[in-house]
Amino acid sequence: MAGGREIRNKIKSVQNTKKITKAMEMVAASKMRKAQDRMRGARPYAEKIRRLAANLSQANITDYKHPFLVATDKVSRVGLIVVTTDKGLCGGLNTNILRISLNALRDFERKGVTDIRVTCIGTKGFGFMQRMGAKVVSHATQLGDTPHLEKLIGPVKVMLDAFQAGELDAVYLAYSRFINTMKQEPMMEQLLPLSGERLGAASDHHWDYMYEPDAQVVVDDLLVRYVEALVYQAVAENMASEQSARMVAMKSASDNAGNVIKELTLVYNKTRQAAITKELSEIVSGAAAV
């Protein structure tokens, strides 16, 4: 059994760890509220532009068809945008999203996909994909606590340009969707090509629009804005999930540290009591011998 000094040092070490995890829990709780407000504020715009893109995909445009709306029969080249966090200590958030991303990559290979390109948003996903030997064509890291669209446009545009040039047949987006403070759900969505059925457009009628100056200019700009808004919303959802998961993880770590302190304190008391009993026995034995 360890001595009293070793046990006291362990108790002090766990107490210091508990102070750190408790502080991180409070910081995460403060950031979580801001991230949730930011995420909820972006949802109405994302839903509105999603609905508009869905209607546009079924609109009667006879003279122009955007490449984002053209689906291929055989998918042999795929792009994957993976959204993770820059920092750790957020439970299984990154593990879950990287697991479904890895499963998706293996599934693509089984289906005969010959070219798989990956765009990583977040340091954790970038490092993981590099270790796995994936073909990382672009990345964005160190995004901070607030997502900025100008930092996301560059890496995402690499995928959009490749799809428009015919180098990719489909683009997928993987991120963590915020459900509530205790639950974050990993999601895998097809970003391109767009389809009215997948976006939720009504199938019993078709929309028609009047375009100014012309259909090509409006559709080109609108669909690019749609994809950028969808990626921005995914990053905002992931950041809200990150702070929630970190708060829960740090609270669990603080509670576990408290339990360890109680157990070590009990062991220390038993050790001290045994030492005192031994000393008393020695004193009584010595007095009896005299």
Protein backbone atom coordinates (compact mmCIF):
# COMPACT_ATOMS: atom_id res chain seq x y z
CA MET A 1 0.00 0.00 0.00
CA ALA A 2 1.28 3.50 -0.87
CA GLY A 3 2.44 5.74 1.94
CA GLY A 4 0.61 8.77 3.25
CA ARG A 5 2.83 11.24 1.39
CA GLU A 6 2.24 9.57 -2.00
CA ILE A 7 -1.50 9.50 -1.41
CA ARG A 8 -1.52 13.20 -0.43
CA ASN A 9 0.38 14.05 -3.62
CA LYS A 10 -2.15 12.10 -5.68
CA ILE A 11 -5.03 13.89 -3.99
CA LYS A 12 -3.46 17.27 -4.68
CA SER A 13 -2.85 16.32 -8.32
CA VAL A 14 -6.46 15.24 -8.84
CA GLN A 15 -7.69 18.42 -7.13
CA ASN A 16 -5.66 20.54 -9.55
CA THR A 17 -7.09 18.55 -12.46
CA LYS A 18 -10.59 19.10 -11.14
CA LYS A 19 -10.02 22.86 -11.00
CA ILE A 20 -8.95 22.84 -14.65
CA THR A 21 -11.90 20.74 -15.86
CA LYS A 22 -14.34 22.84 -13.84
CA ALA A 23 -12.98 26.03 -15.40
CA MET A 24 -13.18 24.49 -18.88
CA GLU A 25 -16.76 23.45 -18.18
CA MET A 26 -17.74 27.01 -17.29
CA VAL A 27 -15.98 28.45 -20.34
CA ALA A 28 -17.66 25.90 -22.62
CA ALA A 29 -21.07 26.69 -21.09
CA SER A 30 -20.55 30.39 -21.83
CA LYS A 31 -19.43 29.73 -25.43
CA MET A 32 -22.20 27.18 -25.92
CA ARG A 33 -24.95 29.77 -25.48
CA LYS A 34 -23.38 32.08 -28.05
CA ALA A 35 -22.79 29.23 -30.50
CA GLN A 36 -26.37 28.01 -30.15
CA ASP A 37 -27.76 31.50 -30.74
CA ARG A 38 -25.54 31.87 -33.81
CA MET A 39 -26.58 28.46 -35.14
CA ARG A 40 -30.30 29.06 -34.58
CA GLY A 41 -30.02 32.48 -36.20
CA ALA A 42 -28.55 30.95 -39.37
CA ARG A 43 -31.14 28.17 -39.66
CA PRO A 44 -34.02 30.25 -41.14
CA TYR A 45 -31.82 31.53 -43.98
CA ALA A 46 -30.47 28.05 -44.67
CA GLU A 47 -33.98 26.57 -44.75
CA LYS A 48 -35.28 29.35 -46.99
CA ILE A 49 -32.49 29.06 -49.53
CA ARG A 50 -32.82 25.26 -49.40
CA ARG A 51 -36.51 25.53 -50.27
CA LEU A 52 -35.77 28.00 -53.06
CA ALA A 53 -33.07 25.74 -54.50
CA ALA A 54 -35.48 22.79 -54.31
CA ASN A 55 -38.13 24.71 -56.27
CA LEU A 56 -35.51 25.91 -58.72
CA SER A 57 -34.40 22.34 -59.39
CA GLN A 58 -37.90 21.59 -60.72
CA ALA A 59 -38.43 24.91 -62.47
CA ASN A 60 -39.03 24.97 -66.19
CA ILE A 61 -35.74 26.30 -67.52
CA THR A 62 -35.62 25.20 -71.12
CA ASP A 63 -32.53 27.08 -72.31
CA TYR A 64 -30.13 26.47 -69.41
CA LYS A 65 -29.30 23.70 -66.95
CA HIS A 66 -26.79 24.40 -64.21
CA PRO A 67 -24.10 21.72 -63.65
CA PHE A 68 -25.12 21.48 -59.99
CA LEU A 69 -28.51 20.14 -61.11
CA VAL A 70 -27.17 17.51 -63.52
CA ALA A 71 -26.85 14.00 -62.07
CA THR A 72 -24.76 11.25 -63.64
CA ASP A 73 -25.84 7.64 -63.99
CA LYS A 74 -22.56 6.18 -62.72
CA VAL A 75 -20.65 7.73 -59.82
CA SER A 76 -16.93 6.98 -60.11
CA ARG A 77 -15.41 10.19 -58.68
CA VAL A 78 -16.54 11.56 -55.32
CA GLY A 79 -15.69 14.55 -53.14
CA LEU A 80 -16.18 14.58 -49.37
CA ILE A 81 -16.22 17.68 -47.12
CA VAL A 82 -15.56 16.70 -43.49
CA VAL A 83 -16.35 19.22 -40.73
CA THR A 84 -14.65 18.61 -37.38
CA THR A 85 -13.30 20.72 -34.51
CA ASP A 86 -9.92 22.37 -34.09
CA LYS A 87 -9.59 21.34 -30.43
CA GLY A 88 -10.19 18.12 -28.53
CA LEU A 89 -11.66 17.34 -25.11
CA CYS A 90 -15.20 17.26 -26.50
CA GLY A 91 -16.15 13.63 -25.88
CA GLY A 92 -16.86 11.41 -28.86
CA LEU A 93 -17.94 14.24 -31.18
CA ASN A 94 -15.01 14.00 -33.59
CA THR A 95 -14.81 10.22 -33.24
CA ASN A 96 -18.41 9.80 -34.41
CA ILE A 97 -18.11 12.05 -37.44
CA LEU A 98 -14.75 10.58 -38.47
CA ARG A 99 -16.16 7.06 -38.10
CA ILE A 100 -19.03 7.69 -40.52
CA SER A 101 -16.63 9.49 -42.87
CA LEU A 102 -14.26 6.53 -42.85
CA ASN A 103 -17.16 4.12 -43.40
CA ALA A 104 -18.32 6.26 -46.31
CA LEU A 105 -14.86 6.20 -47.88
CA ARG A 106 -14.72 2.42 -47.60
CA ASP A 107 -18.23 2.14 -49.02
CA PHE A 108 -17.23 4.29 -51.99
CA GLU A 109 -14.25 2.03 -52.64
CA ARG A 110 -16.46 -1.07 -52.53
CA LYS A 111 -18.78 0.51 -55.09
CA GLY A 112 -15.91 1.04 -57.50
CA VAL A 113 -15.22 4.75 -56.93
CA THR A 114 -11.74 5.35 -58.33
CA ASP A 115 -11.15 8.97 -57.28
CA ILE A 116 -12.03 10.22 -53.79
CA ARG A 117 -11.09 13.78 -52.85
CA VAL A 118 -11.43 15.17 -49.35
CA THR A 119 -11.79 18.71 -48.03
CA CYS A 120 -11.19 19.05 -44.28
CA ILE A 121 -12.64 21.84 -42.16
CA GLY A 122 -11.08 21.56 -38.71
CA THR A 123 -7.69 20.45 -37.43
CA LYS A 124 -8.87 17.08 -36.07
CA GLY A 125 -10.32 15.91 -39.36
CA PHE A 126 -7.33 17.23 -41.33
CA GLY A 127 -4.87 15.30 -39.18
CA PHE A 128 -6.97 12.14 -39.29
CA MET A 129 -7.34 12.17 -43.07
CA GLN A 130 -3.62 12.74 -43.51
CA ARG A 131 -2.83 9.77 -41.29
CA MET A 132 -5.29 7.62 -43.25
CA GLY A 133 -3.59 8.55 -46.52
CA ALA A 134 -6.69 10.20 -48.01
CA LYS A 135 -6.38 12.57 -50.96
CA VAL A 136 -6.82 15.93 -49.19
CA VAL A 137 -7.20 18.65 -51.83
CA SER A 138 -8.00 21.58 -49.50
CA HIS A 139 -8.46 22.36 -45.84
CA ALA A 140 -9.38 25.13 -43.40
CA THR A 141 -8.17 25.11 -39.80
CA GLN A 142 -8.03 27.44 -36.81
CA LEU A 143 -11.53 28.83 -37.43
CA GLY A 144 -11.91 30.13 -33.87
CA ASP A 145 -15.19 30.25 -31.97
CA THR A 146 -17.08 32.11 -34.72
CA PRO A 147 -17.42 30.75 -38.27
CA HIS A 148 -16.44 33.19 -41.02
CA LEU A 149 -17.64 32.55 -44.53
CA GLU A 150 -14.55 34.09 -46.12
CA LYS A 151 -12.41 31.38 -44.49
CA LEU A 152 -14.67 28.61 -45.83
CA ILE A 153 -15.19 29.80 -49.40
CA GLY A 154 -11.67 28.94 -50.58
CA PRO A 155 -11.53 25.24 -49.54
CA VAL A 156 -15.15 24.63 -50.58
CA LYS A 157 -14.63 26.33 -53.96
CA VAL A 158 -12.03 23.69 -54.81
CA MET A 159 -14.78 21.06 -54.67
CA LEU A 160 -17.31 23.21 -56.52
CA ASP A 161 -14.89 23.99 -59.33
CA ALA A 162 -13.97 20.31 -59.65
CA PHE A 163 -17.66 19.36 -59.88
CA GLN A 164 -18.40 22.04 -62.45
CA ALA A 165 -15.40 20.95 -64.51
CA GLY A 166 -16.71 17.37 -64.58
CA GLU A 167 -13.88 16.00 -62.41
CA LEU A 168 -16.34 14.86 -59.72
CA ASP A 169 -19.68 13.10 -60.03
CA ALA A 170 -20.95 13.80 -56.49
CA VAL A 171 -19.97 15.80 -53.41
CA TYR A 172 -20.95 14.84 -49.85
CA LEU A 173 -20.90 16.81 -46.60
CA ALA A 174 -20.22 15.25 -43.18
CA TYR A 175 -20.80 17.22 -39.97
CA SER A 176 -22.36 17.02 -36.50
CA ARG A 177 -25.92 18.32 -36.29
CA PHE A 178 -26.93 19.95 -33.01
CA ILE A 179 -30.03 18.33 -31.52
CA ASN A 180 -29.80 19.48 -27.90
CA THR A 181 -27.18 19.96 -25.23
CA MET A 182 -26.93 16.24 -24.52
CA LYS A 183 -27.24 14.95 -28.09
CA GLN A 184 -25.30 15.71 -31.27
CA GLU A 185 -25.99 13.60 -34.34
CA PRO A 186 -23.35 12.89 -37.02
CA MET A 187 -24.76 13.59 -40.48
CA MET A 188 -23.76 12.62 -44.01
CA GLU A 189 -25.58 14.58 -46.74
CA GLN A 190 -25.23 14.72 -50.49
CA LEU A 191 -24.28 18.27 -51.37
CA LEU A 192 -24.06 17.92 -55.15
CA PRO A 193 -25.79 17.27 -57.47
CA LEU A 194 -28.97 18.90 -56.19
CA SER A 195 -32.34 17.24 -56.62
CA GLY A 196 -35.82 18.45 -55.82
CA GLU A 197 -36.84 15.17 -54.16
CA ARG A 198 -33.85 15.18 -51.81
CA LEU A 199 -34.32 18.85 -50.96
CA GLY A 200 -38.00 18.38 -50.20
CA ALA A 201 -39.60 20.09 -53.16
CA ALA A 202 -43.19 19.29 -54.01
CA SER A 203 -43.49 16.75 -56.80
CA ASP A 204 -47.13 17.42 -57.83
CA HIS A 205 -46.36 20.72 -59.54
CA HIS A 206 -43.45 22.63 -61.07
CA TRP A 207 -42.28 26.13 -60.32
CA ASP A 208 -41.59 28.74 -62.94
CA TYR A 209 -39.69 31.99 -62.47
CA MET A 210 -38.98 35.19 -64.33
CA TYR A 211 -35.24 35.94 -64.43
CA GLU A 212 -33.54 39.31 -64.63
CA PRO A 213 -31.16 39.80 -66.39
CA ASP A 214 -31.24 36.13 -67.51
CA ALA A 215 -31.59 32.64 -66.10
CA GLN A 216 -27.91 31.70 -66.30
CA VAL A 217 -26.66 34.65 -64.24
CA VAL A 218 -29.31 34.27 -61.55
CA VAL A 219 -29.09 30.48 -61.26
CA ASP A 220 -25.29 30.45 -61.21
CA ASP A 221 -25.09 32.94 -58.37
CA LEU A 222 -28.01 31.47 -56.41
CA LEU A 223 -26.77 27.87 -56.41
CA VAL A 224 -23.26 28.89 -55.38
CA ARG A 225 -24.74 30.93 -52.53
CA TYR A 226 -26.86 27.92 -51.59
CA VAL A 227 -23.87 25.59 -51.30
CA GLU A 228 -21.90 28.17 -49.32
CA ALA A 229 -24.85 28.71 -46.97
CA LEU A 230 -25.21 24.96 -46.45
CA VAL A 231 -21.52 24.59 -45.55
CA TYR A 232 -21.66 27.62 -43.26
CA GLN A 233 -24.70 26.19 -41.50
CA ALA A 234 -22.91 22.85 -41.09
CA VAL A 235 -19.91 24.59 -39.49
CA ALA A 236 -22.22 26.58 -37.18
CA GLU A 237 -24.03 23.38 -36.19
CA ASN A 238 -20.69 21.67 -35.56
CA MET A 239 -19.42 24.52 -33.37
CA ALA A 240 -22.57 24.48 -31.26
CA SER A 241 -22.22 20.71 -30.93
CA GLU A 242 -18.55 21.11 -29.98
CA GLN A 243 -19.21 23.47 -27.07
CA SER A 244 -22.12 21.37 -25.81
CA ALA A 245 -20.10 18.15 -25.99
CA ARG A 246 -17.12 19.81 -24.29
CA MET A 247 -19.28 21.14 -21.46
CA VAL A 248 -20.78 17.70 -20.85
CA ALA A 249 -17.37 16.01 -21.08
CA MET A 250 -15.75 18.45 -18.65
CA LYS A 251 -18.64 18.11 -16.22
CA SER A 252 -18.24 14.34 -16.33
CA ALA A 253 -14.49 14.71 -15.79
CA SER A 254 -15.05 17.00 -12.80
CA ASP A 255 -17.50 14.55 -11.27
CA ASN A 256 -15.09 11.66 -11.81
CA ALA A 257 -12.27 13.68 -10.24
CA GLY A 258 -14.47 14.29 -7.21
CA ASN A 259 -15.12 10.57 -6.87
CA VAL A 260 -11.40 9.80 -7.16
CA ILE A 261 -10.64 12.37 -4.45
CA LYS A 262 -13.16 10.74 -2.13
CA GLU A 263 -11.69 7.28 -2.73
CA LEU A 264 -8.11 8.51 -2.21
CA THR A 265 -9.14 10.35 0.95
CA LEU A 266 -10.67 7.14 2.32
CA VAL A 267 -7.49 5.19 1.49
CA TYR A 268 -5.37 7.92 3.10
CA ASN A 269 -7.43 7.84 6.29
CA LYS A 270 -7.17 4.05 6.46
CA THR A 271 -3.41 4.22 5.90
CA ARG A 272 -2.97 6.87 8.59
CA GLN A 273 -5.14 4.91 11.02
CA ALA A 274 -3.09 1.77 10.37
CA ALA A 275 0.14 3.70 10.98
CA ILE A 276 -1.19 5.14 14.24
CA THR A 277 -2.38 1.71 15.40
CA LYS A 278 1.04 0.26 14.61
CA GLU A 279 2.81 2.97 16.59
CA LEU A 280 0.50 2.46 19.58
CA SER A 281 1.13 -1.27 19.44
CA GLU A 282 4.88 -0.70 19.45
CA ILE A 283 4.61 1.70 22.40
CA VAL A 284 2.45 -0.74 24.40
CA SER A 285 4.80 -3.63 23.59
CA GLY A 286 7.83 -1.60 24.66
CA ALA A 287 6.20 -0.53 27.90
CA ALA A 288 5.22 -4.13 28.67
CA ALA A 289 8.78 -5.32 28.00
CA VAL A 290 10.19 -2.75 30.42
